[in-house]
Amino acid sequence: QVQLVESGGGLVQAGGSLRLSCVASGRTFSRYGVGWFRQAPGKEREFVAAIGWSIGITYYADSVKGRFTISRDNAKNTVYLQMNSLKPEDTAVYYCAADPSIAVVSAGHGSWGQGTQVTVSS
C-alpha cells in the first residue's frame, strides 16, 4: 500500500487554472496506476482521470477531456492534475487513489488520499 497526500486546491474564477498534486510514499509507486476523482456536495463521487504506471496510458472523463491533463513524475513520487478552463461545475473535493492495477483504481478502489477542495466561482 501507499499513502497519498493531495494538495493544490483553492478558489479560482471560471476560466482559470489550478494544478493538483498527489504525493505518495512508498518505493514502488512507479508501478502504481493513479486516478483522480471528485465529489461535489450532494453528489456521488465521480471518476476524473487516471494514468498507468507506464507513461503514456491515460484516461479521462468526457466532462474534462481537453481541459484537464494528468501526468506523473515517478522520481518525485507525484501525480499531477492540470486543470484549465475551469467551470463552476468543476467545484468539488478532489481525491487521488492508487493501485498497482489501473483498472482497479479507475473503478474507484485502492489507497486514497484525504482530498483537496477546488472551488470555481462564476
N, C-alpha and C. Protein backbone atom coordinates (compact mmCIF):
# COMPACT_ATOMS: atom_id res chain seq x y z
N GLN A 1 0.82 -1.20 0.00
CA GLN A 1 0.00 0.00 0.00
C GLN A 1 0.86 1.25 0.00
N VAL A 2 0.27 2.32 -0.47
CA VAL A 2 0.93 3.62 -0.44
C VAL A 2 0.04 4.60 0.33
N GLN A 3 0.67 5.61 0.88
CA GLN A 3 -0.07 6.71 1.50
C GLN A 3 -0.02 7.90 0.56
N LEU A 4 -1.15 8.56 0.39
CA LEU A 4 -1.29 9.63 -0.59
C LEU A 4 -1.69 10.93 0.09
N VAL A 5 -1.12 12.03 -0.38
CA VAL A 5 -1.46 13.36 0.13
C VAL A 5 -1.69 14.28 -1.06
N GLU A 6 -2.90 14.83 -1.15
CA GLU A 6 -3.24 15.78 -2.22
C GLU A 6 -2.99 17.21 -1.76
N SER A 7 -2.70 18.06 -2.71
CA SER A 7 -2.56 19.49 -2.45
C SER A 7 -2.80 20.26 -3.74
N GLY A 8 -2.92 21.57 -3.61
CA GLY A 8 -3.06 22.42 -4.78
C GLY A 8 -4.44 22.97 -5.02
N GLY A 9 -5.39 22.54 -4.21
CA GLY A 9 -6.74 23.06 -4.36
C GLY A 9 -6.83 24.51 -3.94
N GLY A 10 -7.98 25.12 -4.22
CA GLY A 10 -8.18 26.52 -3.83
C GLY A 10 -9.39 27.10 -4.52
N LEU A 11 -9.47 28.42 -4.45
CA LEU A 11 -10.57 29.17 -5.06
C LEU A 11 -10.05 29.84 -6.32
N VAL A 12 -10.77 29.66 -7.42
CA VAL A 12 -10.35 30.24 -8.69
C VAL A 12 -11.59 30.69 -9.45
N GLN A 13 -11.44 31.70 -10.27
CA GLN A 13 -12.56 32.15 -11.09
C GLN A 13 -12.74 31.25 -12.30
N ALA A 14 -13.95 31.23 -12.81
CA ALA A 14 -14.23 30.45 -14.01
C ALA A 14 -13.28 30.87 -15.13
N GLY A 15 -12.77 29.87 -15.85
CA GLY A 15 -11.80 30.11 -16.89
C GLY A 15 -10.36 30.02 -16.42
N GLY A 16 -10.18 29.96 -15.12
CA GLY A 16 -8.85 29.90 -14.55
C GLY A 16 -8.29 28.49 -14.53
N SER A 17 -7.11 28.36 -13.91
CA SER A 17 -6.40 27.08 -13.87
C SER A 17 -5.90 26.77 -12.46
N LEU A 18 -5.78 25.50 -12.20
CA LEU A 18 -5.16 25.00 -10.97
C LEU A 18 -4.39 23.74 -11.31
N ARG A 19 -3.35 23.46 -10.54
CA ARG A 19 -2.65 22.20 -10.68
C ARG A 19 -2.66 21.48 -9.34
N LEU A 20 -3.27 20.32 -9.34
CA LEU A 20 -3.31 19.49 -8.14
C LEU A 20 -2.13 18.52 -8.15
N SER A 21 -1.64 18.21 -6.95
CA SER A 21 -0.56 17.26 -6.79
C SER A 21 -1.00 16.14 -5.87
N CYS A 22 -0.54 14.95 -6.16
CA CYS A 22 -0.79 13.78 -5.32
C CYS A 22 0.58 13.16 -5.05
N VAL A 23 1.04 13.32 -3.82
CA VAL A 23 2.36 12.82 -3.45
C VAL A 23 2.19 11.51 -2.68
N ALA A 24 2.97 10.51 -3.07
CA ALA A 24 2.84 9.19 -2.47
C ALA A 24 4.09 8.78 -1.73
N SER A 25 3.89 8.00 -0.69
CA SER A 25 5.01 7.37 -0.01
C SER A 25 5.14 5.95 -0.56
N GLY A 26 6.31 5.39 -0.49
CA GLY A 26 6.48 4.03 -0.97
C GLY A 26 7.42 3.96 -2.15
N ARG A 27 8.32 3.01 -2.09
CA ARG A 27 9.35 2.91 -3.12
C ARG A 27 8.83 2.35 -4.43
N THR A 28 7.66 1.70 -4.41
CA THR A 28 7.16 1.07 -5.62
C THR A 28 6.07 1.88 -6.30
N PHE A 29 5.98 3.16 -5.96
CA PHE A 29 4.91 4.00 -6.52
C PHE A 29 4.95 4.03 -8.03
N SER A 30 6.14 3.91 -8.60
CA SER A 30 6.25 3.97 -10.06
C SER A 30 5.52 2.82 -10.74
N ARG A 31 5.16 1.78 -9.97
CA ARG A 31 4.44 0.65 -10.53
C ARG A 31 2.95 0.70 -10.20
N TYR A 32 2.46 1.85 -9.78
CA TYR A 32 1.06 2.01 -9.43
C TYR A 32 0.33 2.84 -10.48
N GLY A 33 -0.89 2.42 -10.79
CA GLY A 33 -1.78 3.31 -11.52
C GLY A 33 -2.39 4.29 -10.53
N VAL A 34 -2.66 5.50 -10.98
CA VAL A 34 -3.20 6.55 -10.11
C VAL A 34 -4.38 7.21 -10.79
N GLY A 35 -5.40 7.43 -10.00
CA GLY A 35 -6.59 8.10 -10.54
C GLY A 35 -6.96 9.32 -9.72
N TRP A 36 -7.62 10.25 -10.38
CA TRP A 36 -8.22 11.40 -9.70
C TRP A 36 -9.74 11.25 -9.77
N PHE A 37 -10.38 11.54 -8.66
CA PHE A 37 -11.82 11.51 -8.55
C PHE A 37 -12.28 12.80 -7.89
N ARG A 38 -13.56 13.08 -8.00
CA ARG A 38 -14.08 14.27 -7.33
C ARG A 38 -15.47 13.99 -6.81
N GLN A 39 -15.82 14.73 -5.77
CA GLN A 39 -17.15 14.61 -5.19
C GLN A 39 -17.66 15.99 -4.82
N ALA A 40 -18.74 16.36 -5.46
CA ALA A 40 -19.39 17.63 -5.17
C ALA A 40 -20.45 17.43 -4.09
N PRO A 41 -20.81 18.48 -3.37
CA PRO A 41 -21.82 18.34 -2.31
C PRO A 41 -23.12 17.75 -2.84
N GLY A 42 -23.60 16.73 -2.18
CA GLY A 42 -24.87 16.11 -2.56
C GLY A 42 -24.79 15.21 -3.76
N LYS A 43 -23.59 14.99 -4.28
CA LYS A 43 -23.44 14.14 -5.47
C LYS A 43 -22.52 12.97 -5.17
N GLU A 44 -22.61 11.96 -6.00
CA GLU A 44 -21.75 10.81 -5.85
C GLU A 44 -20.34 11.14 -6.35
N ARG A 45 -19.39 10.40 -5.83
CA ARG A 45 -18.02 10.54 -6.31
C ARG A 45 -17.94 10.12 -7.77
N GLU A 46 -17.18 10.85 -8.56
CA GLU A 46 -17.06 10.51 -9.97
C GLU A 46 -15.61 10.48 -10.41
N PHE A 47 -15.35 9.65 -11.39
CA PHE A 47 -14.02 9.50 -11.97
C PHE A 47 -13.69 10.74 -12.79
N VAL A 48 -12.43 11.18 -12.69
CA VAL A 48 -11.98 12.33 -13.46
C VAL A 48 -10.91 11.93 -14.48
N ALA A 49 -9.85 11.28 -14.01
CA ALA A 49 -8.74 10.91 -14.89
C ALA A 49 -7.90 9.84 -14.22
N ALA A 50 -7.15 9.10 -15.03
CA ALA A 50 -6.26 8.08 -14.48
C ALA A 50 -5.04 7.95 -15.37
N ILE A 51 -3.95 7.51 -14.77
CA ILE A 51 -2.71 7.31 -15.51
C ILE A 51 -2.08 6.00 -15.08
N GLY A 52 -1.63 5.21 -16.03
CA GLY A 52 -0.97 3.96 -15.73
C GLY A 52 0.46 4.17 -15.28
N TRP A 53 1.06 3.09 -14.79
CA TRP A 53 2.44 3.22 -14.36
C TRP A 53 3.36 3.37 -15.56
N SER A 54 2.94 2.87 -16.69
CA SER A 54 3.69 3.04 -17.92
C SER A 54 3.28 4.37 -18.54
N ILE A 55 4.18 5.32 -18.56
CA ILE A 55 3.84 6.67 -19.03
C ILE A 55 3.27 6.61 -20.44
N GLY A 56 2.18 7.28 -20.63
CA GLY A 56 1.53 7.34 -21.93
C GLY A 56 0.12 6.80 -21.90
N ILE A 57 -0.17 5.99 -20.89
CA ILE A 57 -1.53 5.46 -20.77
C ILE A 57 -2.33 6.36 -19.86
N THR A 58 -3.30 7.05 -20.41
CA THR A 58 -4.15 7.94 -19.64
C THR A 58 -5.61 7.77 -20.04
N TYR A 59 -6.49 8.08 -19.11
CA TYR A 59 -7.93 8.02 -19.34
C TYR A 59 -8.55 9.27 -18.74
N TYR A 60 -9.61 9.75 -19.38
CA TYR A 60 -10.29 10.95 -18.91
C TYR A 60 -11.80 10.78 -18.98
N ALA A 61 -12.47 11.40 -18.04
CA ALA A 61 -13.92 11.51 -18.14
C ALA A 61 -14.25 12.47 -19.27
N ASP A 62 -15.36 12.24 -19.94
CA ASP A 62 -15.75 13.11 -21.07
C ASP A 62 -15.88 14.56 -20.63
N SER A 63 -16.30 14.77 -19.39
CA SER A 63 -16.55 16.13 -18.92
C SER A 63 -15.28 16.96 -18.77
N VAL A 64 -14.12 16.32 -18.75
CA VAL A 64 -12.87 17.07 -18.56
C VAL A 64 -11.91 16.93 -19.73
N LYS A 65 -12.23 16.12 -20.71
CA LYS A 65 -11.35 15.94 -21.86
C LYS A 65 -11.06 17.27 -22.54
N GLY A 66 -9.80 17.50 -22.84
CA GLY A 66 -9.41 18.74 -23.50
C GLY A 66 -9.16 19.88 -22.54
N ARG A 67 -9.56 19.72 -21.27
CA ARG A 67 -9.34 20.77 -20.27
C ARG A 67 -8.37 20.33 -19.17
N PHE A 68 -8.42 19.07 -18.80
CA PHE A 68 -7.57 18.54 -17.73
C PHE A 68 -6.50 17.64 -18.33
N THR A 69 -5.33 17.63 -17.69
CA THR A 69 -4.24 16.76 -18.11
C THR A 69 -3.65 16.08 -16.89
N ILE A 70 -3.57 14.76 -16.92
CA ILE A 70 -2.94 14.02 -15.84
C ILE A 70 -1.54 13.63 -16.28
N SER A 71 -0.60 13.74 -15.35
CA SER A 71 0.79 13.39 -15.64
C SER A 71 1.44 12.89 -14.36
N ARG A 72 2.63 12.31 -14.51
CA ARG A 72 3.31 11.83 -13.32
C ARG A 72 4.81 12.04 -13.42
N ASP A 73 5.42 12.20 -12.27
CA ASP A 73 6.87 12.30 -12.14
C ASP A 73 7.27 11.24 -11.12
N ASN A 74 7.68 10.09 -11.61
CA ASN A 74 7.98 8.98 -10.69
C ASN A 74 9.19 9.29 -9.80
N ALA A 75 10.10 10.12 -10.28
CA ALA A 75 11.26 10.48 -9.46
C ALA A 75 10.83 11.25 -8.21
N LYS A 76 9.69 11.94 -8.31
CA LYS A 76 9.16 12.71 -7.19
C LYS A 76 7.98 12.02 -6.52
N ASN A 77 7.66 10.80 -6.96
CA ASN A 77 6.50 10.08 -6.41
C ASN A 77 5.24 10.94 -6.45
N THR A 78 5.05 11.63 -7.55
CA THR A 78 3.96 12.60 -7.64
C THR A 78 3.18 12.44 -8.93
N VAL A 79 1.87 12.54 -8.81
CA VAL A 79 0.98 12.61 -9.97
C VAL A 79 0.29 13.97 -9.93
N TYR A 80 0.19 14.58 -11.08
CA TYR A 80 -0.39 15.92 -11.19
C TYR A 80 -1.71 15.86 -11.96
N LEU A 81 -2.57 16.82 -11.66
CA LEU A 81 -3.77 17.04 -12.47
C LEU A 81 -3.80 18.53 -12.81
N GLN A 82 -3.44 18.84 -14.04
CA GLN A 82 -3.50 20.22 -14.51
C GLN A 82 -4.92 20.49 -14.99
N MET A 83 -5.54 21.49 -14.40
CA MET A 83 -6.94 21.79 -14.72
C MET A 83 -7.02 23.19 -15.31
N ASN A 84 -7.41 23.26 -16.57
CA ASN A 84 -7.54 24.54 -17.28
C ASN A 84 -9.00 24.79 -17.63
N SER A 85 -9.30 26.02 -17.99
CA SER A 85 -10.66 26.39 -18.38
C SER A 85 -11.68 25.89 -17.38
N LEU A 86 -11.42 26.13 -16.12
CA LEU A 86 -12.29 25.62 -15.06
C LEU A 86 -13.68 26.24 -15.12
N LYS A 87 -14.64 25.42 -14.75
CA LYS A 87 -16.05 25.82 -14.75
C LYS A 87 -16.60 25.68 -13.34
N PRO A 88 -17.66 26.40 -13.01
CA PRO A 88 -18.27 26.26 -11.68
C PRO A 88 -18.65 24.81 -11.37
N GLU A 89 -19.04 24.06 -12.39
CA GLU A 89 -19.42 22.66 -12.15
C GLU A 89 -18.23 21.76 -11.84
N ASP A 90 -17.01 22.28 -11.93
CA ASP A 90 -15.84 21.53 -11.51
C ASP A 90 -15.62 21.62 -10.00
N THR A 91 -16.40 22.44 -9.33
CA THR A 91 -16.27 22.59 -7.88
C THR A 91 -16.55 21.27 -7.19
N ALA A 92 -15.59 20.83 -6.37
CA ALA A 92 -15.70 19.54 -5.67
C ALA A 92 -14.48 19.35 -4.80
N VAL A 93 -14.54 18.32 -3.98
CA VAL A 93 -13.33 17.82 -3.31
C VAL A 93 -12.70 16.81 -4.26
N TYR A 94 -11.43 17.00 -4.52
CA TYR A 94 -10.71 16.13 -5.44
C TYR A 94 -9.82 15.17 -4.64
N TYR A 95 -9.92 13.90 -5.00
CA TYR A 95 -9.16 12.85 -4.33
C TYR A 95 -8.29 12.12 -5.34
N CYS A 96 -7.14 11.65 -4.89
CA CYS A 96 -6.38 10.73 -5.71
C CYS A 96 -6.41 9.35 -5.07
N ALA A 97 -6.29 8.35 -5.90
CA ALA A 97 -6.29 6.96 -5.47
C ALA A 97 -5.23 6.22 -6.26
N ALA A 98 -4.69 5.15 -5.66
CA ALA A 98 -3.62 4.42 -6.31
C ALA A 98 -3.79 2.92 -6.09
N ASP A 99 -3.39 2.17 -7.10
CA ASP A 99 -3.41 0.72 -7.03
C ASP A 99 -2.46 0.21 -8.10
N PRO A 100 -1.86 -0.96 -7.89
CA PRO A 100 -0.99 -1.50 -8.95
C PRO A 100 -1.71 -1.70 -10.27
N SER A 101 -3.01 -1.86 -10.23
CA SER A 101 -3.80 -2.03 -11.45
C SER A 101 -4.57 -0.77 -11.79
N ILE A 102 -4.36 -0.21 -12.97
CA ILE A 102 -5.11 0.97 -13.37
C ILE A 102 -6.59 0.65 -13.51
N ALA A 103 -6.92 -0.60 -13.83
CA ALA A 103 -8.33 -0.97 -13.94
C ALA A 103 -8.99 -0.90 -12.56
N VAL A 104 -8.27 -1.36 -11.56
CA VAL A 104 -8.82 -1.34 -10.20
C VAL A 104 -9.00 0.10 -9.72
N VAL A 105 -8.00 0.93 -9.93
CA VAL A 105 -8.10 2.31 -9.43
C VAL A 105 -9.14 3.09 -10.23
N SER A 106 -9.27 2.83 -11.51
CA SER A 106 -10.27 3.53 -12.31
C SER A 106 -11.68 3.18 -11.86
N ALA A 107 -11.82 2.00 -11.26
CA ALA A 107 -13.13 1.58 -10.74
C ALA A 107 -13.40 2.16 -9.36
N GLY A 108 -12.43 2.90 -8.82
CA GLY A 108 -12.66 3.56 -7.54
C GLY A 108 -12.17 2.80 -6.33
N HIS A 109 -11.21 1.92 -6.52
CA HIS A 109 -10.67 1.15 -5.42
C HIS A 109 -9.19 1.44 -5.26
N GLY A 110 -8.62 1.01 -4.12
CA GLY A 110 -7.21 1.23 -3.87
C GLY A 110 -6.99 2.10 -2.66
N SER A 111 -5.80 2.67 -2.55
CA SER A 111 -5.45 3.57 -1.45
C SER A 111 -5.89 4.98 -1.81
N TRP A 112 -6.42 5.71 -0.81
CA TRP A 112 -6.98 7.03 -1.06
C TRP A 112 -6.29 8.11 -0.22
N GLY A 113 -6.25 9.30 -0.78
CA GLY A 113 -5.81 10.45 -0.03
C GLY A 113 -6.98 11.10 0.69
N GLN A 114 -6.70 12.21 1.37
CA GLN A 114 -7.73 12.87 2.18
C GLN A 114 -8.53 13.91 1.39
N GLY A 115 -8.06 14.27 0.22
CA GLY A 115 -8.80 15.19 -0.63
C GLY A 115 -8.33 16.63 -0.53
N THR A 116 -8.60 17.39 -1.57
CA THR A 116 -8.31 18.82 -1.59
C THR A 116 -9.48 19.53 -2.26
N GLN A 117 -9.90 20.65 -1.67
CA GLN A 117 -11.09 21.35 -2.15
C GLN A 117 -10.75 22.26 -3.33
N VAL A 118 -11.55 22.15 -4.36
CA VAL A 118 -11.46 23.06 -5.51
C VAL A 118 -12.80 23.79 -5.64
N THR A 119 -12.74 25.10 -5.64
CA THR A 119 -13.94 25.91 -5.77
C THR A 119 -13.77 26.87 -6.94
N VAL A 120 -14.70 26.80 -7.88
CA VAL A 120 -14.64 27.65 -9.06
C VAL A 120 -15.82 28.62 -9.01
N SER A 121 -15.52 29.90 -8.94
CA SER A 121 -16.57 30.91 -8.85
C SER A 121 -16.96 31.39 -10.25
N SER A 122 -18.21 31.76 -10.40
CA SER A 122 -18.70 32.21 -11.71
C SER A 122 -18.53 33.70 -11.89
